[in-house]
Amino acid sequence: MTDPPPPDPDGFARDDRFVRALLRRFVSDPNVIDDLAQETWLAVLKQAGSGYLGHAWLSTVARNFAFQTQRANQRRLLRESKVARGLAVEPDGDVRFDADLRARVLAAVADLDEHYRDIVRQRFFEDLTPAEIAERTEIPIETVRTRLRRALAQVHRALMRRGL
């Protein structure tokens, strides 16, 4: 069995531009494009023994990852919409209830550990996206999303304990 030829940096850069341009047709978020390009190159590395498989193979793999991500996002949104509860308070509702609810939520957020509280503050009080929070805090975006998810679960549990 012969060893595969050494990688060609210029060819890789050209192919990476090709993959990213293709992914931009399907995805607008640059962070998602980065993730999908990495998944595509991981698939290439797994097939490294087969030799170079060409742009047709690269485009098929990249497109498949993009479609899988879109389908997963659609399924997640559908699941979330099925379990979401309407918590809207009518504008002509009890103002005292609004203030009480706000106070309970703020108290639950204040009880969070500092790293969770900071993420919640930036997300909901400064209206930053997870990507902006990740950039600002120099924390990986998945860590920001995980902390936000855990913080919201803790706030939810605290509100349920307090009878909301």
C-alpha atoms as a PDB file:
ATOM      1  CA  MET A   1       0.000   0.000   0.000  1.00  0.00           C
ATOM      2  CA  THR A   2       1.429   3.364  -0.992  1.00  0.00           C
ATOM      3  CA  ASP A   3       1.314   6.457   1.155  1.00  0.00           C
ATOM      4  CA  PRO A   4      -0.979   9.245  -0.019  1.00  0.00           C
ATOM      5  CA  PRO A   5       0.773  12.223  -1.597  1.00  0.00           C
ATOM      6  CA  PRO A   6       1.695  15.058   0.753  1.00  0.00           C
ATOM      7  CA  PRO A   7      -0.989  17.736   1.116  1.00  0.00           C
ATOM      8  CA  ASP A   8      -0.838  20.679  -1.251  1.00  0.00           C
ATOM      9  CA  PRO A   9      -1.360  23.918   0.757  1.00  0.00           C
ATOM     10  CA  ASP A  10      -2.312  25.926  -2.346  1.00  0.00           C
ATOM     11  CA  GLY A  11      -4.781  23.253  -3.421  1.00  0.00           C
ATOM     12  CA  PHE A  12      -6.253  23.096   0.071  1.00  0.00           C
ATOM     13  CA  ALA A  13      -6.706  26.887   0.184  1.00  0.00           C
ATOM     14  CA  ARG A  14      -8.375  26.829  -3.240  1.00  0.00           C
ATOM     15  CA  ASP A  15     -10.656  23.949  -2.225  1.00  0.00           C
ATOM     16  CA  ASP A  16     -11.489  25.631   1.093  1.00  0.00           C
ATOM     17  CA  ARG A  17     -12.558  28.794  -0.753  1.00  0.00           C
ATOM     18  CA  PHE A  18     -14.685  26.597  -3.023  1.00  0.00           C
ATOM     19  CA  VAL A  19     -16.345  24.845  -0.054  1.00  0.00           C
ATOM     20  CA  ARG A  20     -17.030  28.105   1.793  1.00  0.00           C
ATOM     21  CA  ALA A  21     -18.444  29.799  -1.324  1.00  0.00           C
ATOM     22  CA  LEU A  22     -20.739  26.825  -1.823  1.00  0.00           C
ATOM     23  CA  LEU A  23     -21.880  26.899   1.813  1.00  0.00           C
ATOM     24  CA  ARG A  24     -22.643  30.634   1.574  1.00  0.00           C
ATOM     25  CA  ARG A  25     -25.382  29.730  -0.939  1.00  0.00           C
ATOM     26  CA  PHE A  26     -27.224  27.815   1.773  1.00  0.00           C
ATOM     27  CA  VAL A  27     -26.219  29.468   5.065  1.00  0.00           C
ATOM     28  CA  SER A  28     -25.864  33.134   5.976  1.00  0.00           C
ATOM     29  CA  ASP A  29     -24.311  32.839   9.456  1.00  0.00           C
ATOM     30  CA  PRO A  30     -20.485  32.932   9.136  1.00  0.00           C
ATOM     31  CA  ASN A  31     -20.094  30.870  12.317  1.00  0.00           C
ATOM     32  CA  VAL A  32     -22.275  28.114  10.899  1.00  0.00           C
ATOM     33  CA  ILE A  33     -20.314  28.262   7.633  1.00  0.00           C
ATOM     34  CA  ASP A  34     -17.103  27.754   9.626  1.00  0.00           C
ATOM     35  CA  ASP A  35     -18.622  24.772  11.446  1.00  0.00           C
ATOM     36  CA  LEU A  36     -19.891  23.194   8.237  1.00  0.00           C
ATOM     37  CA  ALA A  37     -16.566  23.739   6.461  1.00  0.00           C
ATOM     38  CA  GLN A  38     -14.793  22.038   9.358  1.00  0.00           C
ATOM     39  CA  GLU A  39     -17.209  19.103   9.201  1.00  0.00           C
ATOM     40  CA  THR A  40     -16.581  18.849   5.460  1.00  0.00           C
ATOM     41  CA  TRP A  41     -12.807  18.794   5.960  1.00  0.00           C
ATOM     42  CA  LEU A  42     -13.160  16.217   8.717  1.00  0.00           C
ATOM     43  CA  ALA A  43     -15.023  14.009   6.239  1.00  0.00           C
ATOM     44  CA  VAL A  44     -12.174  14.584   3.752  1.00  0.00           C
ATOM     45  CA  LEU A  45      -9.621  13.500   6.351  1.00  0.00           C
ATOM     46  CA  LYS A  46     -11.630  10.367   7.091  1.00  0.00           C
ATOM     47  CA  GLN A  47     -11.537   9.527   3.373  1.00  0.00           C
ATOM     48  CA  ALA A  48      -7.849  10.475   2.993  1.00  0.00           C
ATOM     49  CA  GLY A  49      -6.839   6.926   2.063  1.00  0.00           C
ATOM     50  CA  SER A  50      -9.041   7.101  -1.046  1.00  0.00           C
ATOM     51  CA  GLY A  51      -6.977   9.899  -2.550  1.00  0.00           C
ATOM     52  CA  TYR A  52      -8.343  13.214  -3.824  1.00  0.00           C
ATOM     53  CA  LEU A  53     -12.040  12.932  -4.475  1.00  0.00           C
ATOM     54  CA  GLY A  54     -12.613  16.212  -6.358  1.00  0.00           C
ATOM     55  CA  HIS A  55     -14.912  19.197  -6.225  1.00  0.00           C
ATOM     56  CA  ALA A  56     -18.013  17.132  -7.005  1.00  0.00           C
ATOM     57  CA  TRP A  57     -17.485  15.037  -3.882  1.00  0.00           C
ATOM     58  CA  LEU A  58     -16.614  18.095  -1.779  1.00  0.00           C
ATOM     59  CA  SER A  59     -19.733  19.936  -2.920  1.00  0.00           C
ATOM     60  CA  THR A  60     -21.956  16.923  -2.205  1.00  0.00           C
ATOM     61  CA  VAL A  61     -20.537  16.522   1.301  1.00  0.00           C
ATOM     62  CA  ALA A  62     -20.748  20.257   2.090  1.00  0.00           C
ATOM     63  CA  ARG A  63     -24.315  20.494   0.737  1.00  0.00           C
ATOM     64  CA  ASN A  64     -25.381  17.466   2.752  1.00  0.00           C
ATOM     65  CA  PHE A  65     -23.981  18.964   5.959  1.00  0.00           C
ATOM     66  CA  ALA A  66     -25.765  22.272   5.204  1.00  0.00           C
ATOM     67  CA  PHE A  67     -29.091  20.512   4.579  1.00  0.00           C
ATOM     68  CA  GLN A  68     -28.702  18.344   7.698  1.00  0.00           C
ATOM     69  CA  THR A  69     -28.094  21.483   9.777  1.00  0.00           C
ATOM     70  CA  GLN A  70     -31.121  23.242   8.284  1.00  0.00           C
ATOM     71  CA  ARG A  71     -33.339  20.205   8.899  1.00  0.00           C
ATOM     72  CA  ALA A  72     -32.095  19.932  12.485  1.00  0.00           C
ATOM     73  CA  ASN A  73     -32.839  23.630  13.061  1.00  0.00           C
ATOM     74  CA  GLN A  74     -36.330  23.249  11.598  1.00  0.00           C
ATOM     75  CA  ARG A  75     -37.015  20.218  13.805  1.00  0.00           C
ATOM     76  CA  ARG A  76     -35.750  22.122  16.857  1.00  0.00           C
ATOM     77  CA  LEU A  77     -37.983  25.121  16.085  1.00  0.00           C
ATOM     78  CA  LEU A  78     -40.971  22.829  15.599  1.00  0.00           C
ATOM     79  CA  ARG A  79     -40.281  21.048  18.913  1.00  0.00           C
ATOM     80  CA  GLU A  80     -39.867  24.356  20.707  1.00  0.00           C
ATOM     81  CA  SER A  81     -43.065  25.793  19.256  1.00  0.00           C
ATOM     82  CA  LYS A  82     -45.012  22.712  20.375  1.00  0.00           C
ATOM     83  CA  VAL A  83     -43.870  22.995  23.984  1.00  0.00           C
ATOM     84  CA  ALA A  84     -43.725  26.777  24.273  1.00  0.00           C
ATOM     85  CA  ARG A  85     -46.211  28.297  26.661  1.00  0.00           C
ATOM     86  CA  GLY A  86     -47.783  31.667  26.127  1.00  0.00           C
ATOM     87  CA  LEU A  87     -46.536  33.851  28.940  1.00  0.00           C
ATOM     88  CA  ALA A  88     -47.631  37.158  27.464  1.00  0.00           C
ATOM     89  CA  VAL A  89     -49.368  39.509  29.871  1.00  0.00           C
ATOM     90  CA  GLU A  90     -52.132  41.641  28.448  1.00  0.00           C
ATOM     91  CA  PRO A  91     -51.262  45.360  28.379  1.00  0.00           C
ATOM     92  CA  ASP A  92     -54.397  46.186  30.348  1.00  0.00           C
ATOM     93  CA  GLY A  93     -53.473  43.499  32.893  1.00  0.00           C
ATOM     94  CA  ASP A  94     -52.581  44.013  36.518  1.00  0.00           C
ATOM     95  CA  VAL A  95     -49.558  46.355  36.632  1.00  0.00           C
ATOM     96  CA  ARG A  96     -48.696  45.036  40.101  1.00  0.00           C
ATOM     97  CA  PHE A  97     -48.464  41.516  38.644  1.00  0.00           C
ATOM     98  CA  ASP A  98     -46.073  42.773  35.950  1.00  0.00           C
ATOM     99  CA  ALA A  99     -43.860  44.407  38.563  1.00  0.00           C
ATOM    100  CA  ASP A 100     -44.038  41.304  40.765  1.00  0.00           C
ATOM    101  CA  LEU A 101     -43.148  39.019  37.872  1.00  0.00           C
ATOM    102  CA  ARG A 102     -40.268  41.272  36.871  1.00  0.00           C
ATOM    103  CA  ALA A 103     -38.990  41.319  40.453  1.00  0.00           C
ATOM    104  CA  ARG A 104     -39.151  37.515  40.686  1.00  0.00           C
ATOM    105  CA  VAL A 105     -37.291  37.062  37.419  1.00  0.00           C
ATOM    106  CA  LEU A 106     -34.629  39.588  38.419  1.00  0.00           C
ATOM    107  CA  ALA A 107     -34.226  37.885  41.803  1.00  0.00           C
ATOM    108  CA  ALA A 108     -33.832  34.494  40.122  1.00  0.00           C
ATOM    109  CA  VAL A 109     -31.214  35.948  37.758  1.00  0.00           C
ATOM    110  CA  ALA A 110     -29.407  37.621  40.667  1.00  0.00           C
ATOM    111  CA  ASP A 111     -29.169  34.229  42.422  1.00  0.00           C
ATOM    112  CA  LEU A 112     -27.259  32.692  39.496  1.00  0.00           C
ATOM    113  CA  ASP A 113     -23.518  32.053  39.648  1.00  0.00           C
ATOM    114  CA  GLU A 114     -21.585  34.993  38.238  1.00  0.00           C
ATOM    115  CA  HIS A 115     -20.611  33.348  34.921  1.00  0.00           C
ATOM    116  CA  TYR A 116     -24.264  32.444  34.244  1.00  0.00           C
ATOM    117  CA  ARG A 117     -25.570  35.820  35.445  1.00  0.00           C
ATOM    118  CA  ASP A 118     -23.125  37.670  33.176  1.00  0.00           C
ATOM    119  CA  ILE A 119     -24.214  35.699  30.096  1.00  0.00           C
ATOM    120  CA  VAL A 120     -27.918  36.307  30.868  1.00  0.00           C
ATOM    121  CA  ARG A 121     -27.286  40.001  31.466  1.00  0.00           C
ATOM    122  CA  GLN A 122     -25.505  40.401  28.133  1.00  0.00           C
ATOM    123  CA  ARG A 123     -28.077  38.345  26.226  1.00  0.00           C
ATOM    124  CA  PHE A 124     -31.295  39.786  27.595  1.00  0.00           C
ATOM    125  CA  PHE A 125     -30.430  43.148  29.117  1.00  0.00           C
ATOM    126  CA  GLU A 126     -27.869  44.262  26.527  1.00  0.00           C
ATOM    127  CA  ASP A 127     -29.605  42.339  23.701  1.00  0.00           C
ATOM    128  CA  LEU A 128     -26.379  40.752  22.418  1.00  0.00           C
ATOM    129  CA  THR A 129     -26.434  37.598  20.323  1.00  0.00           C
ATOM    130  CA  PRO A 130     -24.539  34.520  21.547  1.00  0.00           C
ATOM    131  CA  ALA A 131     -21.928  35.174  18.841  1.00  0.00           C
ATOM    132  CA  GLU A 132     -21.426  38.745  20.079  1.00  0.00           C
ATOM    133  CA  ILE A 133     -21.151  37.530  23.673  1.00  0.00           C
ATOM    134  CA  ALA A 134     -18.593  34.916  22.622  1.00  0.00           C
ATOM    135  CA  GLU A 135     -16.544  37.544  20.821  1.00  0.00           C
ATOM    136  CA  ARG A 136     -16.750  40.007  23.714  1.00  0.00           C
ATOM    137  CA  THR A 137     -15.876  37.477  26.430  1.00  0.00           C
ATOM    138  CA  GLU A 138     -13.461  35.410  24.315  1.00  0.00           C
ATOM    139  CA  ILE A 139     -15.403  32.262  25.222  1.00  0.00           C
ATOM    140  CA  PRO A 140     -16.315  29.686  22.542  1.00  0.00           C
ATOM    141  CA  ILE A 141     -19.830  30.234  21.198  1.00  0.00           C
ATOM    142  CA  GLU A 142     -20.960  26.745  22.218  1.00  0.00           C
ATOM    143  CA  THR A 143     -19.872  27.494  25.798  1.00  0.00           C
ATOM    144  CA  VAL A 144     -21.941  30.692  25.693  1.00  0.00           C
ATOM    145  CA  ARG A 145     -24.963  28.764  24.395  1.00  0.00           C
ATOM    146  CA  THR A 146     -24.513  26.035  27.022  1.00  0.00           C
ATOM    147  CA  ARG A 147     -24.202  28.557  29.852  1.00  0.00           C
ATOM    148  CA  LEU A 148     -27.238  30.437  28.591  1.00  0.00           C
ATOM    149  CA  ARG A 149     -29.291  27.235  28.380  1.00  0.00           C
ATOM    150  CA  ARG A 150     -28.228  26.176  31.887  1.00  0.00           C
ATOM    151  CA  ALA A 151     -28.870  29.644  33.308  1.00  0.00           C
ATOM    152  CA  LEU A 152     -32.365  29.758  31.841  1.00  0.00           C
ATOM    153  CA  ALA A 153     -33.094  26.295  33.236  1.00  0.00           C
ATOM    154  CA  GLN A 154     -31.968  27.469  36.686  1.00  0.00           C
ATOM    155  CA  VAL A 155     -34.125  30.605  36.438  1.00  0.00           C
ATOM    156  CA  HIS A 156     -37.086  28.474  35.351  1.00  0.00           C
ATOM    157  CA  ARG A 157     -36.617  26.089  38.287  1.00  0.00           C
ATOM    158  CA  ALA A 158     -36.330  29.026  40.702  1.00  0.00           C
ATOM    159  CA  LEU A 159     -39.530  30.587  39.382  1.00  0.00           C
ATOM    160  CA  MET A 160     -41.363  27.262  39.611  1.00  0.00           C
ATOM    161  CA  ARG A 161     -40.204  26.854  43.229  1.00  0.00           C
ATOM    162  CA  ARG A 162     -41.552  30.336  43.977  1.00  0.00           C
ATOM    163  CA  GLY A 163     -44.935  29.407  42.569  1.00  0.00           C
ATOM    164  CA  LEU A 164     -44.909  31.160  39.202  1.00  0.00           C
END
